[in-house]
Amino acid sequence: MVKKDDDIRFRVDAETAKAAKEKAARLDIPLSHILRQLLRDWIVEDDKQTKESLLGKQ
């Protein structure tokens, strides 16, 4: 297991937080685990990704 020695805090709207927590509970996976994996996946993605493509803006 990787040592977790840093915190990242961010705010989301209540509806998004509730939906994420409910989905994580249905999958029986801690939401923190899902968010860590999403960050790891994003870090290794193609560095040519643009801000617009990341945020869904065109």
PDB file of N, CA and C in Angstrom:
ATOM      1  N   MET A   1       0.844  -1.171   0.000  1.00  0.00           N
ATOM      2  CA  MET A   1       0.000   0.000   0.000  1.00  0.00           C
ATOM      3  C   MET A   1       0.896   1.243   0.000  1.00  0.00           C
ATOM      4  N   VAL A   2       0.485   2.240  -0.745  1.00  0.00           N
ATOM      5  CA  VAL A   2       1.221   3.485  -0.834  1.00  0.00           C
ATOM      6  C   VAL A   2       0.933   4.331   0.394  1.00  0.00           C
ATOM      7  N   LYS A   3       1.987   4.933   0.972  1.00  0.00           N
ATOM      8  CA  LYS A   3       1.804   5.804   2.122  1.00  0.00           C
ATOM      9  C   LYS A   3       1.074   7.069   1.683  1.00  0.00           C
ATOM     10  N   LYS A   4       0.058   7.435   2.407  1.00  0.00           N
ATOM     11  CA  LYS A   4      -0.718   8.637   2.099  1.00  0.00           C
ATOM     12  C   LYS A   4      -0.326   9.711   3.101  1.00  0.00           C
ATOM     13  N   ASP A   5       0.481  10.669   2.651  1.00  0.00           N
ATOM     14  CA  ASP A   5       1.010  11.654   3.589  1.00  0.00           C
ATOM     15  C   ASP A   5       0.730  13.097   3.194  1.00  0.00           C
ATOM     16  N   ASP A   6      -0.230  13.295   2.306  1.00  0.00           N
ATOM     17  CA  ASP A   6      -0.595  14.647   1.908  1.00  0.00           C
ATOM     18  C   ASP A   6      -2.101  14.712   1.687  1.00  0.00           C
ATOM     19  N   ASP A   7      -2.660  15.871   1.930  1.00  0.00           N
ATOM     20  CA  ASP A   7      -4.101  16.078   1.741  1.00  0.00           C
ATOM     21  C   ASP A   7      -4.334  17.013   0.572  1.00  0.00           C
ATOM     22  N   ILE A   8      -5.386  16.743  -0.175  1.00  0.00           N
ATOM     23  CA  ILE A   8      -5.873  17.663  -1.197  1.00  0.00           C
ATOM     24  C   ILE A   8      -7.334  17.906  -0.852  1.00  0.00           C
ATOM     25  N   ARG A   9      -7.678  19.152  -0.665  1.00  0.00           N
ATOM     26  CA  ARG A   9      -9.060  19.484  -0.322  1.00  0.00           C
ATOM     27  C   ARG A   9      -9.656  20.315  -1.447  1.00  0.00           C
ATOM     28  N   PHE A  10     -10.910  20.027  -1.771  1.00  0.00           N
ATOM     29  CA  PHE A  10     -11.617  20.821  -2.760  1.00  0.00           C
ATOM     30  C   PHE A  10     -13.097  20.777  -2.451  1.00  0.00           C
ATOM     31  N   ARG A  11     -13.807  21.728  -2.994  1.00  0.00           N
ATOM     32  CA  ARG A  11     -15.240  21.830  -2.714  1.00  0.00           C
ATOM     33  C   ARG A  11     -16.038  21.464  -3.956  1.00  0.00           C
ATOM     34  N   VAL A  12     -17.149  20.780  -3.739  1.00  0.00           N
ATOM     35  CA  VAL A  12     -18.098  20.457  -4.808  1.00  0.00           C
ATOM     36  C   VAL A  12     -19.494  20.775  -4.288  1.00  0.00           C
ATOM     37  N   ASP A  13     -20.420  20.913  -5.218  1.00  0.00           N
ATOM     38  CA  ASP A  13     -21.789  21.187  -4.801  1.00  0.00           C
ATOM     39  C   ASP A  13     -22.361  19.961  -4.083  1.00  0.00           C
ATOM     40  N   ALA A  14     -23.350  20.204  -3.267  1.00  0.00           N
ATOM     41  CA  ALA A  14     -23.938  19.153  -2.426  1.00  0.00           C
ATOM     42  C   ALA A  14     -24.507  18.005  -3.247  1.00  0.00           C
ATOM     43  N   GLU A  15     -25.125  18.313  -4.381  1.00  0.00           N
ATOM     44  CA  GLU A  15     -25.724  17.270  -5.217  1.00  0.00           C
ATOM     45  C   GLU A  15     -24.658  16.321  -5.774  1.00  0.00           C
ATOM     46  N   THR A  16     -23.548  16.886  -6.236  1.00  0.00           N
ATOM     47  CA  THR A  16     -22.452  16.060  -6.758  1.00  0.00           C
ATOM     48  C   THR A  16     -21.846  15.206  -5.649  1.00  0.00           C
ATOM     49  N   ALA A  17     -21.633  15.799  -4.488  1.00  0.00           N
ATOM     50  CA  ALA A  17     -21.062  15.055  -3.361  1.00  0.00           C
ATOM     51  C   ALA A  17     -21.962  13.895  -2.961  1.00  0.00           C
ATOM     52  N   LYS A  18     -23.261  14.153  -2.861  1.00  0.00           N
ATOM     53  CA  LYS A  18     -24.207  13.103  -2.471  1.00  0.00           C
ATOM     54  C   LYS A  18     -24.213  11.969  -3.490  1.00  0.00           C
ATOM     55  N   ALA A  19     -24.262  12.324  -4.782  1.00  0.00           N
ATOM     56  CA  ALA A  19     -24.289  11.300  -5.828  1.00  0.00           C
ATOM     57  C   ALA A  19     -23.009  10.470  -5.818  1.00  0.00           C
ATOM     58  N   ALA A  20     -21.869  11.122  -5.625  1.00  0.00           N
ATOM     59  CA  ALA A  20     -20.594  10.409  -5.597  1.00  0.00           C
ATOM     60  C   ALA A  20     -20.523   9.459  -4.400  1.00  0.00           C
ATOM     61  N   LYS A  21     -20.944   9.932  -3.258  1.00  0.00           N
ATOM     62  CA  LYS A  21     -20.928   9.083  -2.055  1.00  0.00           C
ATOM     63  C   LYS A  21     -21.858   7.883  -2.207  1.00  0.00           C
ATOM     64  N   GLU A  22     -23.039   8.122  -2.786  1.00  0.00           N
ATOM     65  CA  GLU A  22     -23.990   7.025  -2.989  1.00  0.00           C
ATOM     66  C   GLU A  22     -23.444   5.986  -3.971  1.00  0.00           C
ATOM     67  N   LYS A  23     -22.835   6.450  -5.045  1.00  0.00           N
ATOM     68  CA  LYS A  23     -22.292   5.510  -6.029  1.00  0.00           C
ATOM     69  C   LYS A  23     -21.134   4.717  -5.429  1.00  0.00           C
ATOM     70  N   ALA A  24     -20.265   5.382  -4.687  1.00  0.00           N
ATOM     71  CA  ALA A  24     -19.154   4.684  -4.035  1.00  0.00           C
ATOM     72  C   ALA A  24     -19.685   3.632  -3.060  1.00  0.00           C
ATOM     73  N   ALA A  25     -20.731   3.977  -2.337  1.00  0.00           N
ATOM     74  CA  ALA A  25     -21.317   3.019  -1.394  1.00  0.00           C
ATOM     75  C   ALA A  25     -21.906   1.818  -2.134  1.00  0.00           C
ATOM     76  N   ARG A  26     -22.590   2.067  -3.273  1.00  0.00           N
ATOM     77  CA  ARG A  26     -23.145   0.953  -4.056  1.00  0.00           C
ATOM     78  C   ARG A  26     -22.038   0.030  -4.553  1.00  0.00           C
ATOM     79  N   LEU A  27     -20.895   0.607  -4.887  1.00  0.00           N
ATOM     80  CA  LEU A  27     -19.764  -0.194  -5.375  1.00  0.00           C
ATOM     81  C   LEU A  27     -18.928  -0.778  -4.240  1.00  0.00           C
ATOM     82  N   ASP A  28     -19.248  -0.384  -3.005  1.00  0.00           N
ATOM     83  CA  ASP A  28     -18.514  -0.820  -1.821  1.00  0.00           C
ATOM     84  C   ASP A  28     -17.022  -0.471  -1.933  1.00  0.00           C
ATOM     85  N   ILE A  29     -16.766   0.762  -2.385  1.00  0.00           N
ATOM     86  CA  ILE A  29     -15.400   1.276  -2.516  1.00  0.00           C
ATOM     87  C   ILE A  29     -15.380   2.653  -1.855  1.00  0.00           C
ATOM     88  N   PRO A  30     -14.405   2.929  -1.002  1.00  0.00           N
ATOM     89  CA  PRO A  30     -14.337   4.263  -0.402  1.00  0.00           C
ATOM     90  C   PRO A  30     -14.176   5.336  -1.487  1.00  0.00           C
ATOM     91  N   LEU A  31     -14.902   6.420  -1.348  1.00  0.00           N
ATOM     92  CA  LEU A  31     -14.814   7.502  -2.324  1.00  0.00           C
ATOM     93  C   LEU A  31     -13.377   8.005  -2.439  1.00  0.00           C
ATOM     94  N   SER A  32     -12.657   8.045  -1.350  1.00  0.00           N
ATOM     95  CA  SER A  32     -11.261   8.507  -1.398  1.00  0.00           C
ATOM     96  C   SER A  32     -10.419   7.620  -2.313  1.00  0.00           C
ATOM     97  N   HIS A  33     -10.692   6.331  -2.317  1.00  0.00           N
ATOM     98  CA  HIS A  33      -9.955   5.410  -3.197  1.00  0.00           C
ATOM     99  C   HIS A  33     -10.251   5.728  -4.667  1.00  0.00           C
ATOM    100  N   ILE A  34     -11.500   5.981  -4.967  1.00  0.00           N
ATOM    101  CA  ILE A  34     -11.897   6.313  -6.338  1.00  0.00           C
ATOM    102  C   ILE A  34     -11.218   7.603  -6.785  1.00  0.00           C
ATOM    103  N   LEU A  35     -11.234   8.617  -5.932  1.00  0.00           N
ATOM    104  CA  LEU A  35     -10.624   9.898  -6.289  1.00  0.00           C
ATOM    105  C   LEU A  35      -9.120   9.770  -6.474  1.00  0.00           C
ATOM    106  N   ARG A  36      -8.453   8.989  -5.620  1.00  0.00           N
ATOM    107  CA  ARG A  36      -7.004   8.767  -5.798  1.00  0.00           C
ATOM    108  C   ARG A  36      -6.722   8.109  -7.131  1.00  0.00           C
ATOM    109  N   GLN A  37      -7.520   7.099  -7.502  1.00  0.00           N
ATOM    110  CA  GLN A  37      -7.291   6.402  -8.767  1.00  0.00           C
ATOM    111  C   GLN A  37      -7.559   7.324  -9.954  1.00  0.00           C
ATOM    112  N   LEU A  38      -8.590   8.139  -9.869  1.00  0.00           N
ATOM    113  CA  LEU A  38      -8.860   9.103 -10.940  1.00  0.00           C
ATOM    114  C   LEU A  38      -7.687  10.056 -11.131  1.00  0.00           C
ATOM    115  N   LEU A  39      -7.110  10.528 -10.023  1.00  0.00           N
ATOM    116  CA  LEU A  39      -5.944  11.414 -10.126  1.00  0.00           C
ATOM    117  C   LEU A  39      -4.754  10.694 -10.753  1.00  0.00           C
ATOM    118  N   ARG A  40      -4.514   9.459 -10.331  1.00  0.00           N
ATOM    119  CA  ARG A  40      -3.400   8.686 -10.919  1.00  0.00           C
ATOM    120  C   ARG A  40      -3.589   8.506 -12.425  1.00  0.00           C
ATOM    121  N   ASP A  41      -4.819   8.165 -12.831  1.00  0.00           N
ATOM    122  CA  ASP A  41      -5.111   7.975 -14.257  1.00  0.00           C
ATOM    123  C   ASP A  41      -4.915   9.273 -15.027  1.00  0.00           C
ATOM    124  N   TRP A  42      -5.369  10.384 -14.466  1.00  0.00           N
ATOM    125  CA  TRP A  42      -5.259  11.673 -15.128  1.00  0.00           C
ATOM    126  C   TRP A  42      -3.792  12.084 -15.297  1.00  0.00           C
ATOM    127  N   ILE A  43      -2.983  11.816 -14.298  1.00  0.00           N
ATOM    128  CA  ILE A  43      -1.563  12.184 -14.352  1.00  0.00           C
ATOM    129  C   ILE A  43      -0.856  11.497 -15.509  1.00  0.00           C
ATOM    130  N   VAL A  44      -1.182  10.243 -15.782  1.00  0.00           N
ATOM    131  CA  VAL A  44      -0.483   9.500 -16.837  1.00  0.00           C
ATOM    132  C   VAL A  44      -1.109   9.683 -18.215  1.00  0.00           C
ATOM    133  N   GLU A  45      -2.204  10.431 -18.310  1.00  0.00           N
ATOM    134  CA  GLU A  45      -2.822  10.679 -19.615  1.00  0.00           C
ATOM    135  C   GLU A  45      -1.909  11.505 -20.498  1.00  0.00           C
ATOM    136  N   ASP A  46      -2.262  11.549 -21.752  1.00  0.00           N
ATOM    137  CA  ASP A  46      -1.546  12.321 -22.755  1.00  0.00           C
ATOM    138  C   ASP A  46      -1.368  13.774 -22.306  1.00  0.00           C
ATOM    139  N   ASP A  47      -0.124  14.261 -22.292  1.00  0.00           N
ATOM    140  CA  ASP A  47       0.154  15.639 -21.890  1.00  0.00           C
ATOM    141  C   ASP A  47      -0.326  16.662 -22.908  1.00  0.00           C
ATOM    142  N   LYS A  48      -0.815  16.218 -24.055  1.00  0.00           N
ATOM    143  CA  LYS A  48      -1.308  17.148 -25.063  1.00  0.00           C
ATOM    144  C   LYS A  48      -2.753  17.557 -24.795  1.00  0.00           C
ATOM    145  N   GLN A  49      -3.316  17.039 -23.733  1.00  0.00           N
ATOM    146  CA  GLN A  49      -4.696  17.373 -23.377  1.00  0.00           C
ATOM    147  C   GLN A  49      -4.803  18.879 -23.136  1.00  0.00           C
ATOM    148  N   THR A  50      -5.832  19.495 -23.690  1.00  0.00           N
ATOM    149  CA  THR A  50      -6.020  20.925 -23.518  1.00  0.00           C
ATOM    150  C   THR A  50      -6.971  21.205 -22.369  1.00  0.00           C
ATOM    151  N   LYS A  51      -6.916  22.418 -21.882  1.00  0.00           N
ATOM    152  CA  LYS A  51      -7.825  22.836 -20.821  1.00  0.00           C
ATOM    153  C   LYS A  51      -9.277  22.673 -21.279  1.00  0.00           C
ATOM    154  N   GLU A  52      -9.535  23.044 -22.530  1.00  0.00           N
ATOM    155  CA  GLU A  52     -10.896  22.967 -23.053  1.00  0.00           C
ATOM    156  C   GLU A  52     -11.393  21.525 -23.097  1.00  0.00           C
ATOM    157  N   SER A  53     -10.543  20.609 -23.552  1.00  0.00           N
ATOM    158  CA  SER A  53     -10.980  19.209 -23.633  1.00  0.00           C
ATOM    159  C   SER A  53     -11.170  18.619 -22.227  1.00  0.00           C
ATOM    160  N   LEU A  54     -10.360  19.042 -21.296  1.00  0.00           N
ATOM    161  CA  LEU A  54     -10.466  18.548 -19.930  1.00  0.00           C
ATOM    162  C   LEU A  54     -11.753  19.034 -19.271  1.00  0.00           C
ATOM    163  N   LEU A  55     -12.093  20.285 -19.488  1.00  0.00           N
ATOM    164  CA  LEU A  55     -13.253  20.870 -18.830  1.00  0.00           C
ATOM    165  C   LEU A  55     -14.529  20.760 -19.653  1.00  0.00           C
ATOM    166  N   GLY A  56     -14.415  20.175 -20.846  1.00  0.00           N
ATOM    167  CA  GLY A  56     -15.600  19.976 -21.681  1.00  0.00           C
ATOM    168  C   GLY A  56     -16.073  21.234 -22.364  1.00  0.00           C
ATOM    169  N   LYS A  57     -15.194  22.213 -22.492  1.00  0.00           N
ATOM    170  CA  LYS A  57     -15.565  23.472 -23.160  1.00  0.00           C
ATOM    171  C   LYS A  57     -15.064  23.450 -24.587  1.00  0.00           C
ATOM    172  N   GLN A  58     -15.825  24.072 -25.466  1.00  0.00           N
ATOM    173  CA  GLN A  58     -15.410  24.122 -26.864  1.00  0.00           C
ATOM    174  C   GLN A  58     -15.450  25.524 -27.392  1.00  0.00           C
TER     175      GLN A  58
END
